[in-house]
């Protein structure tokens, strides 16, 4: 990455509130001007491959504004933006960071730096600029006018990735809703194409008094059509949510405990699901590879059934449009009995990932008016993580388990911990079940926890812990009325 040192004098002193740089260091930052950070560019060296990819990929320059935190955090954020851009199918040519007290309200990075950025865009042959933040409609318009290339922000980039990866009908509808909500305030035209009035019957034959008028502009027409589409998508998602709620209610009625796998994108949630259940869901080393939740049935070593749900991954500054659109999906986490929070042990700043996930989950729980379920932290990718980093994580995240879903390391310990944490059936019952009611014995084995079992002349004598609905079915066979 490269830093654009601050030089605008029209804003407050950018050093205000920033204690991590001394005055001398700040001056050196300014003198350094533009610095390339090794390892960010993905430009290819093979000419033939470059020419081939030019036809398929957008060539992008990344731009960020560093307003708080350390230089390492700022560079990590831009590096993540680079991975997002590559996931979307782009070729990253350059990454630039400008140190400012706050983003410029007009152009995000200030007019002087816009001119520098324009030169970099021309010299690299880029056709797109991606900002590491959410741009206002005015900032977007100003940057595109001055740079003469397409400009998008972090939110639009994440929405684009979601649109590429959505597979189910519900997932596609949720992504389209989020995109339209983002688009409505940003509708604009090139030149005056969207501001021209369509004209009802103005100047036309047969208009008549009172029927002539300007009519709608194209912008107004587009906005109205998008609003109608948004309303339709909301109705569709609401109907799908009813189906999801029905399935959830059925699980609750059967008292099957549920575990939701949550975590940062690309932390290895799907790999953990596969390691625990052999589900065979798609695993890919890419951001947001999983958008549609997958639920699989699993059993503890002592035979108790529970469900595992793989959920969509999170990311820093997850667009609020996506949180709103995917709320019905994310609410699976609020209704779970346990959150299995998977952390990427190989990431340079895993604690930032943990905080980002907890922030989104807290927002969902607040919307539901419910407390978050208990959390079990699991540090994944132990096979590729640095030992020193793992030791540091043990201090930062006490009680977390360390595993590798790829090699199986620590998975047995995770299974044992899940068996300990998954809620046990509430009712204890002693019953003598006639052999003619063998289906009840089968249910006890499938849904409950058998403590003792003995086959005697009158039937099967059981001591077990079962859920209330099954306890009610067994109550007529309870010995000495022993249901607790």
Protein backbone atom coordinates (compact mmCIF):
# COMPACT_ATOMS: atom_id res chain seq x y z
CA UNK A 1 0.00 0.00 0.00
CA UNK A 2 0.96 3.56 -0.44
CA UNK A 3 0.26 6.44 1.87
CA UNK A 4 -0.79 9.87 0.68
CA UNK A 5 0.42 12.22 3.38
CA UNK A 6 -1.95 14.96 4.45
CA UNK A 7 -1.29 18.40 3.03
CA UNK A 8 -4.70 20.14 2.91
CA UNK A 9 -4.78 23.21 5.11
CA UNK A 10 -8.52 23.77 4.94
CA UNK A 11 -9.35 21.24 7.65
CA UNK A 12 -8.46 20.88 11.29
CA UNK A 13 -5.00 19.76 12.30
CA UNK A 14 -4.99 16.06 11.41
CA UNK A 15 -2.80 15.31 14.39
CA UNK A 16 -5.65 16.15 16.77
CA UNK A 17 -6.61 13.07 18.76
CA UNK A 18 -3.82 10.98 17.16
CA UNK A 19 -1.23 10.13 19.76
CA UNK A 20 0.48 7.33 17.91
CA UNK A 21 2.64 9.69 15.79
CA UNK A 22 4.99 12.34 17.10
CA UNK A 23 5.48 15.63 15.25
CA UNK A 24 8.71 14.37 13.72
CA UNK A 25 7.15 11.14 12.59
CA UNK A 26 4.27 13.10 11.11
CA UNK A 27 6.69 15.23 9.12
CA UNK A 28 8.49 12.16 7.84
CA UNK A 29 5.14 10.74 6.79
CA UNK A 30 4.52 13.93 4.84
CA UNK A 31 7.91 13.85 3.16
CA UNK A 32 7.52 10.22 2.22
CA UNK A 33 4.51 11.19 0.15
CA UNK A 34 3.39 8.16 -1.77
CA UNK A 35 4.78 4.85 -0.56
CA UNK A 36 4.13 1.50 -2.13
CA UNK A 37 3.59 -1.31 0.35
CA UNK A 38 5.03 -4.54 -0.98
CA UNK A 39 2.74 -7.48 -1.52
CA UNK A 40 -0.53 -5.68 -2.23
CA UNK A 41 -0.43 -5.50 -6.01
CA UNK A 42 -1.77 -8.53 -7.86
CA UNK A 43 -0.61 -7.33 -11.27
CA UNK A 44 0.60 -10.30 -13.29
CA UNK A 45 4.03 -10.53 -14.84
CA UNK A 46 3.20 -12.84 -17.72
CA UNK A 47 2.19 -10.58 -20.60
CA UNK A 48 -0.05 -13.09 -22.35
CA UNK A 49 -1.95 -13.84 -19.16
CA UNK A 50 -2.31 -10.13 -18.46
CA UNK A 51 -3.78 -9.57 -21.91
CA UNK A 52 -6.19 -12.45 -21.37
CA UNK A 53 -7.31 -11.20 -17.96
CA UNK A 54 -7.75 -7.66 -19.22
CA UNK A 55 -10.77 -8.88 -21.11
CA UNK A 56 -12.34 -10.32 -17.98
CA UNK A 57 -11.22 -8.30 -14.98
CA UNK A 58 -11.57 -4.72 -13.88
CA UNK A 59 -8.29 -3.01 -13.09
CA UNK A 60 -8.69 -1.17 -9.82
CA UNK A 61 -6.91 1.32 -7.55
CA UNK A 62 -7.83 1.25 -3.86
CA UNK A 63 -8.07 4.41 -1.79
CA UNK A 64 -8.57 4.74 1.97
CA UNK A 65 -8.64 7.48 4.59
CA UNK A 66 -6.81 6.81 7.86
CA UNK A 67 -8.65 8.73 10.57
CA UNK A 68 -7.97 6.66 13.69
CA UNK A 69 -6.07 3.67 14.98
CA UNK A 70 -2.57 2.63 14.03
CA UNK A 71 -0.87 2.50 10.67
CA UNK A 72 -0.97 -1.32 10.82
CA UNK A 73 -4.75 -1.29 11.30
CA UNK A 74 -5.17 1.13 8.40
CA UNK A 75 -3.06 -1.03 6.10
CA UNK A 76 -4.88 -4.19 7.24
CA UNK A 77 -8.21 -2.58 6.34
CA UNK A 78 -6.97 -1.68 2.85
CA UNK A 79 -5.43 -5.14 2.41
CA UNK A 80 -8.82 -6.64 3.26
CA UNK A 81 -10.42 -4.33 0.69
CA UNK A 82 -7.92 -5.73 -1.80
CA UNK A 83 -9.01 -9.30 -1.02
CA UNK A 84 -12.63 -8.25 -1.40
CA UNK A 85 -11.83 -6.71 -4.80
CA UNK A 86 -10.07 -9.87 -5.93
CA UNK A 87 -13.01 -11.98 -4.74
CA UNK A 88 -15.25 -9.80 -6.90
CA UNK A 89 -13.01 -10.54 -9.89
CA UNK A 90 -10.79 -7.45 -10.02
CA UNK A 91 -7.08 -6.97 -10.52
CA UNK A 92 -5.61 -4.71 -7.84
CA UNK A 93 -2.99 -2.36 -9.30
CA UNK A 94 -2.32 0.03 -6.42
CA UNK A 95 -3.44 0.85 -2.90
CA UNK A 96 -3.30 4.33 -1.40
CA UNK A 97 -3.96 5.61 2.11
CA UNK A 98 -4.32 9.26 3.09
CA UNK A 99 -3.90 10.40 6.68
CA UNK A 100 -6.67 12.85 7.58
CA UNK A 101 -8.52 14.02 10.65
CA UNK A 102 -11.79 13.14 8.87
CA UNK A 103 -12.82 12.32 5.28
CA UNK A 104 -13.30 15.34 3.03
CA UNK A 105 -17.08 15.95 2.75
CA UNK A 106 -16.82 16.84 -0.96
CA UNK A 107 -14.32 14.38 -2.44
CA UNK A 108 -13.45 11.98 0.43
CA UNK A 109 -9.69 12.60 0.07
CA UNK A 110 -9.47 16.34 -0.71
CA UNK A 111 -9.09 18.12 -4.04
CA UNK A 112 -5.28 18.07 -4.07
CA UNK A 113 -5.13 14.35 -3.54
CA UNK A 114 -7.82 13.80 -6.15
CA UNK A 115 -5.41 15.29 -8.72
CA UNK A 116 -2.65 12.94 -7.52
CA UNK A 117 -5.06 10.00 -7.66
CA UNK A 118 -6.07 10.95 -11.21
CA UNK A 119 -2.42 10.78 -12.25
CA UNK A 120 -2.02 7.34 -10.68
CA UNK A 121 -5.21 6.12 -12.40
CA UNK A 122 -3.87 7.28 -15.77
CA UNK A 123 -0.38 5.84 -15.26
CA UNK A 124 -1.64 2.41 -14.15
CA UNK A 125 -4.41 2.17 -16.74
CA UNK A 126 -7.02 1.57 -14.05
CA UNK A 127 -10.69 1.70 -14.97
CA UNK A 128 -12.15 1.64 -11.43
CA UNK A 129 -11.40 3.25 -8.07
CA UNK A 130 -12.65 1.59 -4.88
CA UNK A 131 -12.92 3.60 -1.65
CA UNK A 132 -12.43 1.89 1.71
CA UNK A 133 -15.56 3.39 3.23
CA UNK A 134 -19.11 4.34 2.30
CA UNK A 135 -19.23 7.34 -0.03
CA UNK A 136 -22.08 9.80 -0.02
CA UNK A 137 -23.88 10.40 -3.33
CA UNK A 138 -22.13 13.77 -3.61
CA UNK A 139 -18.66 12.30 -3.02
CA UNK A 140 -19.34 9.59 -5.57
CA UNK A 141 -20.43 12.09 -8.20
CA UNK A 142 -17.48 14.44 -7.56
CA UNK A 143 -14.89 11.66 -7.76
CA UNK A 144 -16.30 10.21 -10.97
CA UNK A 145 -16.43 13.66 -12.59
CA UNK A 146 -12.81 14.41 -11.66
CA UNK A 147 -11.29 10.97 -12.28
CA UNK A 148 -13.33 10.05 -15.40
CA UNK A 149 -13.46 6.41 -14.29
CA UNK A 150 -15.99 4.37 -12.37
CA UNK A 151 -15.89 4.87 -8.59
CA UNK A 152 -17.47 2.50 -6.07
CA UNK A 153 -17.21 2.18 -2.31
CA UNK A 154 -16.72 -0.69 0.11
CA UNK A 155 -20.46 -1.18 0.52
CA UNK A 156 -21.10 -1.53 -3.23
CA UNK A 157 -18.18 -3.97 -3.50
CA UNK A 158 -19.52 -6.24 -0.74
CA UNK A 159 -22.99 -6.11 -2.28
CA UNK A 160 -21.50 -7.15 -5.62
CA UNK A 161 -19.78 -10.16 -4.03
CA UNK A 162 -23.02 -11.19 -2.33
CA UNK A 163 -24.83 -10.91 -5.67
CA UNK A 164 -22.28 -13.22 -7.30
CA UNK A 165 -22.42 -15.85 -4.54
CA UNK A 166 -26.15 -15.99 -3.73
CA UNK A 167 -27.65 -19.29 -4.87
CA UNK A 168 -30.99 -19.80 -3.14
CA UNK A 169 -34.17 -17.89 -3.99
CA UNK A 170 -34.17 -16.28 -0.55
CA UNK A 171 -30.50 -15.31 -0.77
CA UNK A 172 -30.95 -13.71 -4.20
CA UNK A 173 -33.99 -11.75 -3.00
CA UNK A 174 -32.13 -10.53 0.10
CA UNK A 175 -29.14 -9.37 -1.94
CA UNK A 176 -31.31 -7.60 -4.52
CA UNK A 177 -33.20 -5.80 -1.75
CA UNK A 178 -29.94 -4.64 -0.19
CA UNK A 179 -28.61 -3.43 -3.55
CA UNK A 180 -31.77 -1.46 -4.33
CA UNK A 181 -31.81 0.15 -0.87
CA UNK A 182 -28.23 1.24 -1.48
CA UNK A 183 -28.98 2.44 -5.03
CA UNK A 184 -32.05 4.63 -4.40
CA UNK A 185 -30.25 7.65 -2.87
CA UNK A 186 -27.43 7.32 -5.42
CA UNK A 187 -29.44 7.39 -8.64
CA UNK A 188 -27.83 9.83 -11.00
CA UNK A 189 -27.41 10.25 -14.73
CA UNK A 190 -24.56 10.91 -17.10
CA UNK A 191 -24.95 14.44 -18.41
CA UNK A 192 -28.65 15.23 -18.30
CA UNK A 193 -30.07 11.91 -19.45
CA UNK A 194 -31.84 11.23 -16.17
CA UNK A 195 -33.00 14.79 -15.56
CA UNK A 196 -34.87 15.25 -18.84
CA UNK A 197 -38.60 15.36 -18.44
CA UNK A 198 -40.45 12.54 -20.08
CA UNK A 199 -43.43 14.85 -20.68
CA UNK A 200 -46.94 13.66 -20.14
CA UNK A 201 -48.56 15.24 -23.19
CA UNK A 202 -46.72 18.52 -23.27
CA UNK A 203 -46.66 19.83 -26.80
CA UNK A 204 -48.29 16.70 -28.08
CA UNK A 205 -51.51 16.36 -30.00
CA UNK A 206 -54.68 15.87 -28.03
CA UNK A 207 -53.22 17.33 -24.84
CA UNK A 208 -55.96 19.80 -24.07
CA UNK A 209 -56.30 22.30 -21.28
CA UNK A 210 -55.24 20.87 -17.93
CA UNK A 211 -53.63 17.79 -19.47
CA UNK A 212 -50.34 19.35 -20.54
CA UNK A 213 -47.46 19.24 -18.09
CA UNK A 214 -43.87 18.31 -17.54
CA UNK A 215 -44.58 14.72 -16.51
CA UNK A 216 -41.97 12.67 -14.67
CA UNK A 217 -38.25 12.92 -15.18
CA UNK A 218 -36.46 9.68 -15.98
CA UNK A 219 -34.86 9.83 -12.54
CA UNK A 220 -38.28 9.99 -10.90
CA UNK A 221 -39.53 7.12 -13.04
CA UNK A 222 -36.56 4.94 -12.10
CA UNK A 223 -36.94 5.81 -8.42
CA UNK A 224 -40.64 4.90 -8.52
CA UNK A 225 -39.96 1.58 -10.25
CA UNK A 226 -37.23 0.70 -7.74
CA UNK A 227 -39.53 1.54 -4.83
CA UNK A 228 -42.19 -0.81 -6.23
CA UNK A 229 -39.59 -3.55 -6.65
CA UNK A 230 -38.37 -3.03 -3.06
CA UNK A 231 -41.92 -3.41 -1.76
CA UNK A 232 -42.37 -6.63 -3.73
CA UNK A 233 -39.07 -8.07 -2.48
CA UNK A 234 -40.01 -7.28 1.12
CA UNK A 235 -43.26 -9.22 0.68
CA UNK A 236 -41.41 -12.19 -0.84
CA UNK A 237 -38.82 -12.27 1.94
CA UNK A 238 -41.56 -12.01 4.55
CA UNK A 239 -43.29 -15.08 3.08
CA UNK A 240 -39.99 -16.98 3.05
CA UNK A 241 -39.43 -15.92 6.64
CA UNK A 242 -42.76 -17.55 7.52
CA UNK A 243 -41.48 -20.85 6.11
CA UNK A 244 -38.23 -20.47 8.07
CA UNK A 245 -40.20 -19.71 11.23
CA UNK A 246 -42.32 -22.83 10.68
CA UNK A 247 -39.22 -25.01 10.43
CA UNK A 248 -37.73 -23.33 13.50
CA UNK A 249 -40.97 -23.87 15.45
CA UNK A 250 -40.96 -27.54 14.49
CA UNK A 251 -37.43 -27.91 15.87
CA UNK A 252 -38.43 -26.11 19.05
CA UNK A 253 -41.52 -28.32 19.42
CA UNK A 254 -39.33 -31.39 19.09
CA UNK A 255 -36.94 -29.72 21.57
CA UNK A 256 -33.89 -30.34 19.37
CA UNK A 257 -31.04 -28.13 20.64
CA UNK A 258 -29.45 -25.90 18.00
CA UNK A 259 -25.89 -24.65 17.56
CA UNK A 260 -25.19 -21.73 15.18
CA UNK A 261 -21.72 -21.50 13.66
CA UNK A 262 -20.76 -17.82 13.38
CA UNK A 263 -17.57 -15.97 12.57
CA UNK A 264 -15.69 -13.65 10.26
CA UNK A 265 -15.74 -14.37 6.56
CA UNK A 266 -13.20 -17.02 5.51
CA UNK A 267 -12.58 -18.10 9.12
CA UNK A 268 -13.39 -21.70 8.16
CA UNK A 269 -16.98 -22.09 9.39
CA UNK A 270 -17.99 -24.45 6.58
CA UNK A 271 -14.85 -26.52 7.18
CA UNK A 272 -15.77 -26.84 10.85
CA UNK A 273 -19.31 -27.95 9.89
CA UNK A 274 -17.84 -30.58 7.56
CA UNK A 275 -15.39 -31.75 10.24
CA UNK A 276 -18.17 -32.17 12.80
CA UNK A 277 -20.88 -33.68 10.61
CA UNK A 278 -19.34 -34.77 7.29
CA UNK A 279 -21.89 -32.46 5.64
CA UNK A 280 -19.83 -32.01 2.49
CA UNK A 281 -20.81 -28.35 2.04
CA UNK A 282 -18.73 -26.23 -0.32
CA UNK A 283 -15.44 -25.01 1.13
CA UNK A 284 -13.48 -22.32 -0.69
CA UNK A 285 -10.58 -20.07 0.31
CA UNK A 286 -12.55 -16.94 -0.58
CA UNK A 287 -14.47 -14.21 1.19
CA UNK A 288 -18.24 -14.79 1.53
CA UNK A 289 -18.12 -18.24 -0.04
CA UNK A 290 -21.20 -19.18 2.02
CA UNK A 291 -24.31 -17.00 1.89
CA UNK A 292 -27.14 -19.50 2.21
CA UNK A 293 -27.33 -21.09 5.69
CA UNK A 294 -26.91 -24.86 5.87
CA UNK A 295 -28.37 -26.90 8.74
CA UNK A 296 -27.20 -30.43 9.52
CA UNK A 297 -28.19 -32.89 12.24
CA UNK A 298 -25.48 -34.13 14.58
CA UNK A 299 -25.28 -36.28 17.71
CA UNK A 300 -23.16 -36.07 20.83
CA UNK A 301 -21.00 -39.07 21.81
CA UNK A 302 -23.74 -40.07 24.30
CA UNK A 303 -26.38 -40.05 21.57
CA UNK A 304 -28.17 -36.71 22.05
CA UNK A 305 -29.30 -35.06 18.82
CA UNK A 306 -28.76 -31.40 17.97
CA UNK A 307 -28.54 -29.23 14.84
CA UNK A 308 -25.56 -27.30 13.48
CA UNK A 309 -26.25 -24.28 11.24
CA UNK A 310 -23.55 -22.68 9.08
CA UNK A 311 -24.34 -18.96 8.76
CA UNK A 312 -23.17 -16.12 6.53
CA UNK A 313 -19.77 -14.67 7.44
CA UNK A 314 -19.25 -11.17 8.77
CA UNK A 315 -16.77 -8.45 7.90
CA UNK A 316 -15.72 -5.09 9.31
CA UNK A 317 -18.21 -2.35 8.46
CA UNK A 318 -20.77 -4.83 7.14
CA UNK A 319 -23.24 -2.67 5.15
CA UNK A 320 -26.35 -1.94 7.18
CA UNK A 321 -28.44 -2.68 4.07
CA UNK A 322 -27.18 -6.26 4.19
CA UNK A 323 -27.83 -6.60 7.92
CA UNK A 324 -31.41 -5.43 7.33
CA UNK A 325 -31.98 -7.65 4.28
CA UNK A 326 -30.42 -10.74 5.88
CA UNK A 327 -32.04 -10.15 9.28
CA UNK A 328 -34.37 -13.14 8.95
CA UNK A 329 -31.35 -15.37 8.23
CA UNK A 330 -29.22 -13.83 10.98
CA UNK A 331 -32.03 -14.31 13.49
CA UNK A 332 -31.18 -18.03 13.40
CA UNK A 333 -28.27 -17.06 15.65
CA UNK A 334 -30.51 -15.31 18.18
CA UNK A 335 -32.71 -18.42 18.48
CA UNK A 336 -29.81 -20.85 18.88
CA UNK A 337 -28.95 -22.56 22.17
CA UNK A 338 -25.21 -22.05 21.59
CA UNK A 339 -23.02 -19.92 19.32
CA UNK A 340 -19.94 -21.68 17.95
CA UNK A 341 -17.77 -18.64 17.17
CA UNK A 342 -14.99 -19.62 14.74
CA UNK A 343 -11.90 -17.36 14.69
CA UNK A 344 -9.16 -17.40 12.04
CA UNK A 345 -6.00 -18.10 14.04
CA UNK A 346 -3.78 -17.18 11.08
CA UNK A 347 -5.17 -13.64 10.74
CA UNK A 348 -2.84 -10.81 11.86
CA UNK A 349 -5.57 -9.18 14.00
CA UNK A 350 -8.08 -11.85 15.06
CA UNK A 351 -9.34 -9.77 17.98
CA UNK A 352 -10.65 -7.17 15.50
CA UNK A 353 -12.54 -9.95 13.72
CA UNK A 354 -14.08 -11.13 17.00
CA UNK A 355 -15.23 -7.59 17.82
CA UNK A 356 -16.75 -7.12 14.34
CA UNK A 357 -18.75 -10.36 14.64
CA UNK A 358 -19.96 -9.54 18.15
CA UNK A 359 -21.05 -6.08 17.01
CA UNK A 360 -23.34 -7.46 14.28
CA UNK A 361 -24.70 -10.21 16.55
CA UNK A 362 -25.42 -7.63 19.23
CA UNK A 363 -27.37 -5.56 16.70
CA UNK A 364 -29.48 -8.58 15.71
CA UNK A 365 -30.12 -9.50 19.35
CA UNK A 366 -31.16 -5.93 20.18
CA UNK A 367 -33.62 -5.97 17.26
CA UNK A 368 -35.09 -9.22 18.59
CA UNK A 369 -35.18 -7.91 22.14
CA UNK A 370 -33.37 -11.05 23.30
CA UNK A 371 -30.04 -11.77 24.94
CA UNK A 372 -27.39 -13.52 22.86
CA UNK A 373 -26.97 -17.27 23.43
CA UNK A 374 -23.83 -18.55 25.21
CA UNK A 375 -20.69 -18.45 23.07
CA UNK A 376 -18.00 -21.07 22.53
CA UNK A 377 -14.89 -19.59 20.90
CA UNK A 378 -12.92 -21.85 18.54
CA UNK A 379 -9.59 -20.77 17.05
CA UNK A 380 -9.33 -22.48 13.66
CA UNK A 381 -6.44 -22.97 11.20
CA UNK A 382 -3.97 -24.06 13.90
CA UNK A 383 -2.02 -25.88 11.17
CA UNK A 384 -1.03 -22.62 9.47
CA UNK A 385 -1.07 -20.21 12.42
CA UNK A 386 2.12 -19.02 14.07
CA UNK A 387 2.78 -20.58 17.49
CA UNK A 388 3.53 -17.20 19.02
CA UNK A 389 0.26 -15.84 17.64
CA UNK A 390 -1.65 -18.80 19.10
CA UNK A 391 -0.07 -18.21 22.50
CA UNK A 392 -1.14 -14.57 22.29
CA UNK A 393 -4.69 -15.64 21.39
CA UNK A 394 -4.83 -17.92 24.43
CA UNK A 395 -4.24 -14.81 26.53
CA UNK A 396 -6.70 -12.62 24.59
CA UNK A 397 -9.43 -15.27 24.35
CA UNK A 398 -9.28 -17.38 27.52
CA UNK A 399 -11.26 -20.58 27.32
CA UNK A 400 -11.08 -20.78 23.51
CA UNK A 401 -10.37 -24.16 21.89
CA UNK A 402 -7.64 -24.44 19.25
CA UNK A 403 -8.40 -26.70 16.28
CA UNK A 404 -7.62 -27.29 12.64
CA UNK A 405 -10.66 -28.30 10.63
CA UNK A 406 -8.33 -29.17 7.73
CA UNK A 407 -6.17 -31.70 9.64
CA UNK A 408 -8.62 -32.72 12.39
CA UNK A 409 -6.42 -31.42 15.18
CA UNK A 410 -8.50 -30.60 18.27
CA UNK A 411 -11.81 -31.67 16.66
CA UNK A 412 -12.36 -34.47 19.22
CA UNK A 413 -11.93 -31.97 22.06
CA UNK A 414 -14.44 -29.71 20.33
CA UNK A 415 -16.95 -32.57 20.05
CA UNK A 416 -16.58 -33.26 23.79
CA UNK A 417 -17.04 -29.58 24.64
CA UNK A 418 -20.15 -29.36 22.46
CA UNK A 419 -21.56 -32.40 24.26
CA UNK A 420 -20.97 -30.62 27.56
CA UNK A 421 -22.46 -27.29 26.39
CA UNK A 422 -25.49 -28.51 24.39
CA UNK A 423 -28.56 -28.30 26.66
CA UNK A 424 -29.67 -31.60 28.15
CA UNK A 425 -33.33 -32.68 28.21
CA UNK A 426 -35.10 -31.08 31.14
CA UNK A 427 -37.35 -33.86 32.50
CA UNK A 428 -36.13 -37.02 34.22
CA UNK A 429 -38.46 -40.01 34.05
CA UNK A 430 -38.53 -43.62 35.29
CA UNK A 431 -40.90 -45.65 33.17
CA UNK A 432 -41.83 -49.22 32.32
CA UNK A 433 -42.75 -49.10 28.63
CA UNK A 434 -44.66 -52.10 27.22
CA UNK A 435 -43.06 -53.90 24.31
CA UNK A 436 -46.08 -52.92 22.22
CA UNK A 437 -44.99 -49.26 22.52
CA UNK A 438 -41.51 -49.71 21.16
CA UNK A 439 -41.78 -46.44 19.21
CA UNK A 440 -41.60 -44.54 22.52
CA UNK A 441 -38.37 -46.31 23.43
CA UNK A 442 -36.98 -45.41 20.02
CA UNK A 443 -37.91 -41.75 20.60
CA UNK A 444 -36.16 -41.78 23.96
CA UNK A 445 -32.99 -43.02 22.28
CA UNK A 446 -33.29 -40.52 19.42
CA UNK A 447 -34.37 -37.42 21.34
CA UNK A 448 -33.39 -37.98 24.96
CA UNK A 449 -30.56 -39.19 27.15
CA UNK A 450 -30.87 -42.79 28.36
CA UNK A 451 -29.45 -43.21 31.87
CA UNK A 452 -30.41 -46.85 32.50
CA UNK A 453 -32.25 -49.45 30.42
CA UNK A 454 -33.37 -52.94 31.33
CA UNK A 455 -35.56 -55.40 29.45
CA UNK A 456 -37.83 -57.26 31.85
CA UNK A 457 -40.98 -59.36 31.57
CA UNK A 458 -43.41 -56.44 31.51
CA UNK A 459 -41.51 -54.31 29.00
CA UNK A 460 -38.52 -51.99 28.82
CA UNK A 461 -37.64 -50.25 32.06
CA UNK A 462 -36.03 -46.85 31.42
CA UNK A 463 -34.48 -44.09 33.41
CA UNK A 464 -33.90 -41.17 31.06
CA UNK A 465 -33.81 -37.45 30.62
CA UNK A 466 -36.27 -36.33 27.95
CA UNK A 467 -37.92 -33.18 26.69
CA UNK A 468 -41.30 -32.14 28.12
CA UNK A 469 -43.40 -33.32 25.16
CA UNK A 470 -41.86 -36.80 25.28
CA UNK A 471 -42.18 -36.86 29.09
CA UNK A 472 -45.91 -36.24 28.67
CA UNK A 473 -46.18 -39.17 26.24
CA UNK A 474 -44.35 -41.43 28.73
CA UNK A 475 -46.21 -40.25 31.82
CA UNK A 476 -48.84 -43.04 31.72
CA UNK A 477 -46.03 -45.60 32.00
CA UNK A 478 -44.11 -43.78 34.74
CA UNK A 479 -43.34 -45.95 37.76
CA UNK A 480 -44.57 -44.40 41.03
CA UNK A 481 -45.47 -41.27 39.06
CA UNK A 482 -41.79 -40.37 38.84
CA UNK A 483 -41.54 -37.52 36.39
CA UNK A 484 -39.23 -34.69 37.53
